[in-house]
PDB file of N, CA and C in Angstrom:
ATOM      1  N   UNK A   1      98.048 127.660  83.406  1.00  0.00           N
ATOM      2  CA  UNK A   1      97.855 127.606  84.857  1.00  0.00           C
ATOM      3  C   UNK A   1      97.082 126.327  85.195  1.00  0.00           C
ATOM      4  N   UNK A   2      97.635 125.462  86.039  1.00  0.00           N
ATOM      5  CA  UNK A   2      96.933 124.225  86.405  1.00  0.00           C
ATOM      6  C   UNK A   2      95.626 124.523  87.135  1.00  0.00           C
ATOM      7  N   UNK A   3      94.627 123.688  86.862  1.00  0.00           N
ATOM      8  CA  UNK A   3      93.347 123.798  87.548  1.00  0.00           C
ATOM      9  C   UNK A   3      93.122 122.528  88.352  1.00  0.00           C
ATOM     10  N   UNK A   4      92.363 122.642  89.441  1.00  0.00           N
ATOM     11  CA  UNK A   4      92.087 121.503  90.309  1.00  0.00           C
ATOM     12  C   UNK A   4      90.832 120.784  89.832  1.00  0.00           C
ATOM     13  N   UNK A   5      90.908 119.453  89.801  1.00  0.00           N
ATOM     14  CA  UNK A   5      89.801 118.604  89.360  1.00  0.00           C
ATOM     15  C   UNK A   5      89.662 117.443  90.336  1.00  0.00           C
ATOM     16  N   UNK A   6      88.518 116.738  90.227  1.00  0.00           N
ATOM     17  CA  UNK A   6      88.300 115.523  91.017  1.00  0.00           C
ATOM     18  C   UNK A   6      87.868 114.413  90.072  1.00  0.00           C
ATOM     19  N   UNK A   7      88.285 113.194  90.389  1.00  0.00           N
ATOM     20  CA  UNK A   7      87.913 112.037  89.580  1.00  0.00           C
ATOM     21  C   UNK A   7      88.075 110.777  90.418  1.00  0.00           C
ATOM     22  N   UNK A   8      87.444 109.693  89.952  1.00  0.00           N
ATOM     23  CA  UNK A   8      87.698 108.382  90.538  1.00  0.00           C
ATOM     24  C   UNK A   8      88.705 107.680  89.644  1.00  0.00           C
ATOM     25  N   UNK A   9      89.618 106.935  90.268  1.00  0.00           N
ATOM     26  CA  UNK A   9      90.637 106.225  89.505  1.00  0.00           C
ATOM     27  C   UNK A   9      90.978 104.911  90.205  1.00  0.00           C
ATOM     28  N   UNK A  10      91.399 103.930  89.406  1.00  0.00           N
ATOM     29  CA  UNK A  10      91.781 102.617  89.920  1.00  0.00           C
ATOM     30  C   UNK A  10      93.287 102.519  90.098  1.00  0.00           C
ATOM     31  N   UNK A  11      93.698 101.864  91.195  1.00  0.00           N
ATOM     32  CA  UNK A  11      95.121 101.601  91.405  1.00  0.00           C
ATOM     33  C   UNK A  11      95.275 100.423  92.362  1.00  0.00           C
ATOM     34  N   UNK A  12      96.421  99.783  92.278  1.00  0.00           N
ATOM     35  CA  UNK A  12      96.767  98.666  93.149  1.00  0.00           C
ATOM     36  C   UNK A  12      97.254  99.221  94.492  1.00  0.00           C
ATOM     37  N   UNK A  13      96.520  98.964  95.590  1.00  0.00           N
ATOM     38  CA  UNK A  13      96.911  99.525  96.887  1.00  0.00           C
ATOM     39  C   UNK A  13      98.125  98.832  97.513  1.00  0.00           C
ATOM     40  N   UNK A  14      98.533  97.688  96.967  1.00  0.00           N
ATOM     41  CA  UNK A  14      99.626  96.898  97.546  1.00  0.00           C
ATOM     42  C   UNK A  14     100.978  97.257  96.936  1.00  0.00           C
ATOM     43  N   UNK A  15     101.190  98.527  96.642  1.00  0.00           N
ATOM     44  CA  UNK A  15     102.458  98.966  96.062  1.00  0.00           C
ATOM     45  C   UNK A  15     102.951 100.192  96.821  1.00  0.00           C
ATOM     46  N   UNK A  16     104.223 100.534  96.664  1.00  0.00           N
ATOM     47  CA  UNK A  16     104.741 101.722  97.347  1.00  0.00           C
ATOM     48  C   UNK A  16     103.955 102.978  96.959  1.00  0.00           C
ATOM     49  N   UNK A  17     103.933 103.947  97.865  1.00  0.00           N
ATOM     50  CA  UNK A  17     103.150 105.172  97.679  1.00  0.00           C
ATOM     51  C   UNK A  17     103.441 105.858  96.346  1.00  0.00           C
ATOM     52  N   UNK A  18     104.713 106.010  96.000  1.00  0.00           N
ATOM     53  CA  UNK A  18     105.055 106.721  94.760  1.00  0.00           C
ATOM     54  C   UNK A  18     104.524 105.987  93.533  1.00  0.00           C
ATOM     55  N   UNK A  19     104.547 104.654  93.556  1.00  0.00           N
ATOM     56  CA  UNK A  19     104.017 103.870  92.437  1.00  0.00           C
ATOM     57  C   UNK A  19     102.497 103.992  92.363  1.00  0.00           C
ATOM     58  N   UNK A  20     101.842 104.027  93.512  1.00  0.00           N
ATOM     59  CA  UNK A  20     100.389 104.198  93.566  1.00  0.00           C
ATOM     60  C   UNK A  20      99.992 105.536  92.952  1.00  0.00           C
ATOM     61  N   UNK A  21     100.662 106.601  93.337  1.00  0.00           N
ATOM     62  CA  UNK A  21     100.368 107.934  92.797  1.00  0.00           C
ATOM     63  C   UNK A  21     100.596 107.949  91.288  1.00  0.00           C
ATOM     64  N   UNK A  22     101.683 107.349  90.835  1.00  0.00           N
ATOM     65  CA  UNK A  22     101.982 107.292  89.402  1.00  0.00           C
ATOM     66  C   UNK A  22     100.875 106.545  88.650  1.00  0.00           C
ATOM     67  N   UNK A  23     100.402 105.426  89.205  1.00  0.00           N
ATOM     68  CA  UNK A  23      99.330 104.660  88.562  1.00  0.00           C
ATOM     69  C   UNK A  23      98.042 105.478  88.494  1.00  0.00           C
ATOM     70  N   UNK A  24      97.716 106.205  89.554  1.00  0.00           N
ATOM     71  CA  UNK A  24      96.522 107.056  89.542  1.00  0.00           C
ATOM     72  C   UNK A  24      96.642 108.137  88.469  1.00  0.00           C
ATOM     73  N   UNK A  25      97.811 108.749  88.360  1.00  0.00           N
ATOM     74  CA  UNK A  25      98.023 109.789  87.341  1.00  0.00           C
ATOM     75  C   UNK A  25      97.852 109.218  85.943  1.00  0.00           C
ATOM     76  N   UNK A  26      98.419 108.036  85.682  1.00  0.00           N
ATOM     77  CA  UNK A  26      98.300 107.417  84.356  1.00  0.00           C
ATOM     78  C   UNK A  26      96.845 107.043  84.061  1.00  0.00           C
ATOM     79  N   UNK A  27      96.112 106.556  85.082  1.00  0.00           N
ATOM     80  CA  UNK A  27      94.708 106.197  84.894  1.00  0.00           C
ATOM     81  C   UNK A  27      93.903 107.430  84.486  1.00  0.00           C
ATOM     82  N   UNK A  28      94.104 108.528  85.193  1.00  0.00           N
ATOM     83  CA  UNK A  28      93.368 109.762  84.887  1.00  0.00           C
ATOM     84  C   UNK A  28      93.701 110.250  83.488  1.00  0.00           C
ATOM     85  N   UNK A  29      94.971 110.248  83.117  1.00  0.00           N
ATOM     86  CA  UNK A  29      95.360 110.695  81.776  1.00  0.00           C
ATOM     87  C   UNK A  29      94.760 109.801  80.696  1.00  0.00           C
ATOM     88  N   UNK A  30      94.647 108.499  80.957  1.00  0.00           N
ATOM     89  CA  UNK A  30      94.095 107.564  79.974  1.00  0.00           C
ATOM     90  C   UNK A  30      92.584 107.701  79.829  1.00  0.00           C
ATOM     91  N   UNK A  31      91.890 108.033  80.915  1.00  0.00           N
ATOM     92  CA  UNK A  31      90.431 108.076  80.896  1.00  0.00           C
ATOM     93  C   UNK A  31      89.848 109.482  80.794  1.00  0.00           C
ATOM     94  N   UNK A  32      90.686 110.488  80.863  1.00  0.00           N
ATOM     95  CA  UNK A  32      90.268 111.886  80.717  1.00  0.00           C
ATOM     96  C   UNK A  32      91.219 112.533  79.709  1.00  0.00           C
ATOM     97  N   UNK A  33      90.914 112.381  78.406  1.00  0.00           N
ATOM     98  CA  UNK A  33      91.839 112.828  77.359  1.00  0.00           C
ATOM     99  C   UNK A  33      92.243 114.298  77.452  1.00  0.00           C
ATOM    100  N   UNK A  34      91.427 115.125  78.072  1.00  0.00           N
ATOM    101  CA  UNK A  34      91.755 116.550  78.196  1.00  0.00           C
ATOM    102  C   UNK A  34      92.748 116.813  79.333  1.00  0.00           C
ATOM    103  N   UNK A  35      93.009 115.797  80.168  1.00  0.00           N
ATOM    104  CA  UNK A  35      93.927 115.958  81.303  1.00  0.00           C
ATOM    105  C   UNK A  35      95.351 115.636  80.863  1.00  0.00           C
ATOM    106  N   UNK A  36      96.228 116.628  80.986  1.00  0.00           N
ATOM    107  CA  UNK A  36      97.637 116.436  80.656  1.00  0.00           C
ATOM    108  C   UNK A  36      98.484 116.885  81.845  1.00  0.00           C
ATOM    109  N   UNK A  37      99.630 116.267  82.004  1.00  0.00           N
ATOM    110  CA  UNK A  37     100.535 116.606  83.110  1.00  0.00           C
ATOM    111  C   UNK A  37      99.798 116.575  84.447  1.00  0.00           C
ATOM    112  N   UNK A  38      99.118 115.460  84.704  1.00  0.00           N
ATOM    113  CA  UNK A  38      98.338 115.290  85.929  1.00  0.00           C
ATOM    114  C   UNK A  38      99.270 115.209  87.132  1.00  0.00           C
ATOM    115  N   UNK A  39      98.912 115.946  88.181  1.00  0.00           N
ATOM    116  CA  UNK A  39      99.643 115.927  89.443  1.00  0.00           C
ATOM    117  C   UNK A  39      98.635 115.661  90.562  1.00  0.00           C
ATOM    118  N   UNK A  40      98.708 114.467  91.171  1.00  0.00           N
ATOM    119  CA  UNK A  40      97.773 114.107  92.239  1.00  0.00           C
ATOM    120  C   UNK A  40      98.069 114.949  93.474  1.00  0.00           C
ATOM    121  N   UNK A  41      97.029 115.607  93.997  1.00  0.00           N
ATOM    122  CA  UNK A  41      97.134 116.420  95.207  1.00  0.00           C
ATOM    123  C   UNK A  41      96.764 115.568  96.418  1.00  0.00           C
ATOM    124  N   UNK A  42      95.696 114.768  96.283  1.00  0.00           N
ATOM    125  CA  UNK A  42      95.285 113.865  97.355  1.00  0.00           C
ATOM    126  C   UNK A  42      94.526 112.689  96.752  1.00  0.00           C
ATOM    127  N   UNK A  43      94.562 111.565  97.459  1.00  0.00           N
ATOM    128  CA  UNK A  43      93.856 110.363  97.013  1.00  0.00           C
ATOM    129  C   UNK A  43      93.346 109.622  98.240  1.00  0.00           C
ATOM    130  N   UNK A  44      92.066 109.253  98.201  1.00  0.00           N
ATOM    131  CA  UNK A  44      91.442 108.536  99.303  1.00  0.00           C
ATOM    132  C   UNK A  44      90.856 107.236  98.782  1.00  0.00           C
ATOM    133  N   UNK A  45      91.250 106.123  99.396  1.00  0.00           N
ATOM    134  CA  UNK A  45      90.713 104.815  99.027  1.00  0.00           C
ATOM    135  C   UNK A  45      89.231 104.797  99.398  1.00  0.00           C
ATOM    136  N   UNK A  46      88.368 104.471  98.428  1.00  0.00           N
ATOM    137  CA  UNK A  46      86.926 104.450  98.683  1.00  0.00           C
ATOM    138  C   UNK A  46      86.483 103.174  99.377  1.00  0.00           C
ATOM    139  N   UNK A  47      87.368 102.177  99.433  1.00  0.00           N
ATOM    140  CA  UNK A  47      86.998 100.894 100.012  1.00  0.00           C
ATOM    141  C   UNK A  47      86.354  99.964  99.000  1.00  0.00           C
ATOM    142  N   UNK A  48      86.150 100.447  97.776  1.00  0.00           N
ATOM    143  CA  UNK A  48      85.566  99.627  96.712  1.00  0.00           C
ATOM    144  C   UNK A  48      86.694  98.961  95.931  1.00  0.00           C
ATOM    145  N   UNK A  49      86.621  97.635  95.807  1.00  0.00           N
ATOM    146  CA  UNK A  49      87.640  96.886  95.076  1.00  0.00           C
ATOM    147  C   UNK A  49      87.087  96.436  93.734  1.00  0.00           C
ATOM    148  N   UNK A  50      87.936  96.468  92.707  1.00  0.00           N
ATOM    149  CA  UNK A  50      87.598  95.935  91.388  1.00  0.00           C
ATOM    150  C   UNK A  50      88.372  94.637  91.241  1.00  0.00           C
ATOM    151  N   UNK A  51      87.676  93.521  91.448  1.00  0.00           N
ATOM    152  CA  UNK A  51      88.338  92.215  91.450  1.00  0.00           C
ATOM    153  C   UNK A  51      88.502  91.640  90.054  1.00  0.00           C
ATOM    154  N   UNK A  52      88.067  92.369  89.019  1.00  0.00           N
ATOM    155  CA  UNK A  52      88.265  91.896  87.647  1.00  0.00           C
ATOM    156  C   UNK A  52      89.704  92.109  87.213  1.00  0.00           C
ATOM    157  N   UNK A  53      90.450  92.913  87.944  1.00  0.00           N
ATOM    158  CA  UNK A  53      91.862  93.161  87.645  1.00  0.00           C
ATOM    159  C   UNK A  53      92.734  92.277  88.528  1.00  0.00           C
ATOM    160  N   UNK A  54      93.846  91.826  88.005  1.00  0.00           N
ATOM    161  CA  UNK A  54      94.835  91.078  88.778  1.00  0.00           C
ATOM    162  C   UNK A  54      96.150  91.823  88.679  1.00  0.00           C
ATOM    163  N   UNK A  55      96.745  92.284  89.770  1.00  0.00           N
ATOM    164  CA  UNK A  55      96.197  92.207  91.123  1.00  0.00           C
ATOM    165  C   UNK A  55      94.960  93.097  91.277  1.00  0.00           C
ATOM    166  N   UNK A  56      94.197  92.820  92.327  1.00  0.00           N
ATOM    167  CA  UNK A  56      92.975  93.583  92.600  1.00  0.00           C
ATOM    168  C   UNK A  56      93.316  95.061  92.736  1.00  0.00           C
ATOM    169  N   UNK A  57      92.489  95.901  92.135  1.00  0.00           N
ATOM    170  CA  UNK A  57      92.685  97.343  92.207  1.00  0.00           C
ATOM    171  C   UNK A  57      91.560  97.950  93.059  1.00  0.00           C
ATOM    172  N   UNK A  58      91.868  99.039  93.729  1.00  0.00           N
ATOM    173  CA  UNK A  58      90.870  99.770  94.515  1.00  0.00           C
ATOM    174  C   UNK A  58      90.532 101.074  93.808  1.00  0.00           C
ATOM    175  N   UNK A  59      89.291 101.511  94.002  1.00  0.00           N
ATOM    176  CA  UNK A  59      88.885 102.823  93.499  1.00  0.00           C
ATOM    177  C   UNK A  59      89.327 103.885  94.496  1.00  0.00           C
ATOM    178  N   UNK A  60      89.877 104.960  93.985  1.00  0.00           N
ATOM    179  CA  UNK A  60      90.311 106.100  94.789  1.00  0.00           C
ATOM    180  C   UNK A  60      89.573 107.342  94.331  1.00  0.00           C
ATOM    181  N   UNK A  61      89.195 108.187  95.288  1.00  0.00           N
ATOM    182  CA  UNK A  61      88.684 109.521  94.972  1.00  0.00           C
ATOM    183  C   UNK A  61      89.913 110.413  94.950  1.00  0.00           C
ATOM    184  N   UNK A  62      90.182 111.003  93.787  1.00  0.00           N
ATOM    185  CA  UNK A  62      91.432 111.724  93.576  1.00  0.00           C
ATOM    186  C   UNK A  62      91.169 113.201  93.311  1.00  0.00           C
ATOM    187  N   UNK A  63      91.919 114.049  93.973  1.00  0.00           N
ATOM    188  CA  UNK A  63      91.972 115.471  93.641  1.00  0.00           C
ATOM    189  C   UNK A  63      93.302 115.679  92.938  1.00  0.00           C
ATOM    190  N   UNK A  64      93.243 116.308  91.752  1.00  0.00           N
ATOM    191  CA  UNK A  64      94.471 116.482  90.983  1.00  0.00           C
ATOM    192  C   UNK A  64      94.486 117.825  90.276  1.00  0.00           C
ATOM    193  N   UNK A  65      95.681 118.237  89.914  1.00  0.00           N
ATOM    194  CA  UNK A  65      95.866 119.440  89.111  1.00  0.00           C
ATOM    195  C   UNK A  65      96.304 119.017  87.719  1.00  0.00           C
ATOM    196  N   UNK A  66      95.793 119.732  86.708  1.00  0.00           N
ATOM    197  CA  UNK A  66      96.187 119.454  85.320  1.00  0.00           C
ATOM    198  C   UNK A  66      96.056 120.729  84.516  1.00  0.00           C
TER     199      UNK A  66
END
């Protein structure tokens, strides 16, 4: 049974919505080894940018099921 979790994740905001969601899911799976089959329920841009990545990525507050 999937459980709901929250996490911060990085993604490129300058891409189509479906690609953004996919990137957030992959980020969570990579940084939370216990999270499998991640399904993003909601994502909110925090307004914080990580300029060390090219293209620049934004931090998102993500609610997901896994």
